[in-house]
């Protein structure tokens, strides 16, 4: 193989390499854009989850509330039954 043939082969390889690098650059830009969108969605979902958690926080005390109301409610029922003579 002559020097000219080798040089021509190297030039062809270089052109192919440039095309592949260009494709990788475009792909990298696309992935960067997609990653940015995913991060934005995750951030939004994180904020919404935090809002939901804050909205549900009062329910953490519901067990105490029910225990208090149920006990008082039972006493009220007993008092009404006693007062009216309605058997259970």
Protein backbone atom coordinates (compact mmCIF):
# COMPACT_ATOMS: atom_id res chain seq x y z
CA UNK A 1 0.00 0.00 0.00
CA UNK A 2 1.43 3.35 -1.01
CA UNK A 3 1.70 6.41 1.21
CA UNK A 4 -1.04 8.10 -0.79
CA UNK A 5 -3.38 5.14 -0.29
CA UNK A 6 -2.62 5.10 3.41
CA UNK A 7 -3.23 8.86 3.65
CA UNK A 8 -6.51 8.47 1.77
CA UNK A 9 -7.58 5.65 4.12
CA UNK A 10 -6.71 7.80 7.15
CA UNK A 11 -8.71 10.70 5.70
CA UNK A 12 -11.71 8.43 5.16
CA UNK A 13 -11.41 7.12 8.72
CA UNK A 14 -11.12 10.69 10.00
CA UNK A 15 -14.30 11.75 8.15
CA UNK A 16 -16.17 8.74 9.55
CA UNK A 17 -14.89 9.56 13.02
CA UNK A 18 -16.05 13.17 12.69
CA UNK A 19 -19.52 12.00 11.66
CA UNK A 20 -19.67 9.62 14.65
CA UNK A 21 -18.44 12.31 17.06
CA UNK A 22 -21.05 14.71 15.68
CA UNK A 23 -23.73 12.07 16.25
CA UNK A 24 -22.51 11.52 19.79
CA UNK A 25 -22.59 15.26 20.45
CA UNK A 26 -26.19 15.49 19.26
CA UNK A 27 -27.09 12.43 21.33
CA UNK A 28 -25.35 13.94 24.36
CA UNK A 29 -27.31 17.17 23.96
CA UNK A 30 -30.56 15.21 23.67
CA UNK A 31 -29.74 13.20 26.80
CA UNK A 32 -28.84 16.38 28.68
CA UNK A 33 -32.21 17.85 27.70
CA UNK A 34 -34.02 14.66 28.77
CA UNK A 35 -32.15 14.58 32.08
CA UNK A 36 -33.14 18.20 32.68
CA UNK A 37 -36.80 17.35 32.06
CA UNK A 38 -36.63 14.34 34.40
CA UNK A 39 -35.04 16.48 37.11
CA UNK A 40 -37.76 19.11 36.67
CA UNK A 41 -40.53 16.48 36.94
CA UNK A 42 -38.92 14.90 40.00
CA UNK A 43 -38.64 18.31 41.64
CA UNK A 44 -42.31 19.03 40.92
CA UNK A 45 -43.37 15.64 42.28
CA UNK A 46 -41.23 16.17 45.37
CA UNK A 47 -42.98 19.49 46.02
CA UNK A 48 -46.40 17.91 45.54
CA UNK A 49 -45.48 15.03 47.87
CA UNK A 50 -44.38 17.55 50.49
CA UNK A 51 -47.70 19.43 50.10
CA UNK A 52 -49.64 16.19 50.52
CA UNK A 53 -47.59 15.21 53.57
CA UNK A 54 -48.25 18.60 55.15
CA UNK A 55 -51.96 18.35 54.37
CA UNK A 56 -52.15 14.90 55.97
CA UNK A 57 -50.12 15.82 59.05
CA UNK A 58 -53.21 16.52 61.20
CA UNK A 59 -54.35 12.94 60.60
CA UNK A 60 -51.40 11.75 62.66
CA UNK A 61 -53.34 12.88 65.73
CA UNK A 62 -56.60 11.22 64.72
CA UNK A 63 -56.09 8.20 66.98
CA UNK A 64 -56.02 10.45 70.06
CA UNK A 65 -59.03 12.40 68.80
CA UNK A 66 -61.07 9.25 68.18
CA UNK A 67 -60.18 7.83 71.57
CA UNK A 68 -61.31 11.05 73.25
CA UNK A 69 -64.53 11.41 71.24
CA UNK A 70 -65.43 7.73 71.41
CA UNK A 71 -65.11 7.64 75.19
CA UNK A 72 -67.23 10.79 75.58
CA UNK A 73 -69.70 9.51 73.02
CA UNK A 74 -70.16 6.26 74.92
CA UNK A 75 -70.80 8.20 78.13
CA UNK A 76 -73.38 10.35 76.33
CA UNK A 77 -75.18 7.27 75.01
CA UNK A 78 -75.25 5.75 78.48
CA UNK A 79 -76.62 8.99 79.94
CA UNK A 80 -79.36 9.18 77.28
CA UNK A 81 -80.27 5.54 77.81
CA UNK A 82 -80.43 6.08 81.56
CA UNK A 83 -82.47 9.26 81.20
CA UNK A 84 -84.97 7.87 78.66
CA UNK A 85 -85.12 4.32 79.95
CA UNK A 86 -84.32 2.98 76.46
CA UNK A 87 -82.47 -0.30 76.90
CA UNK A 88 -79.42 -1.07 74.89
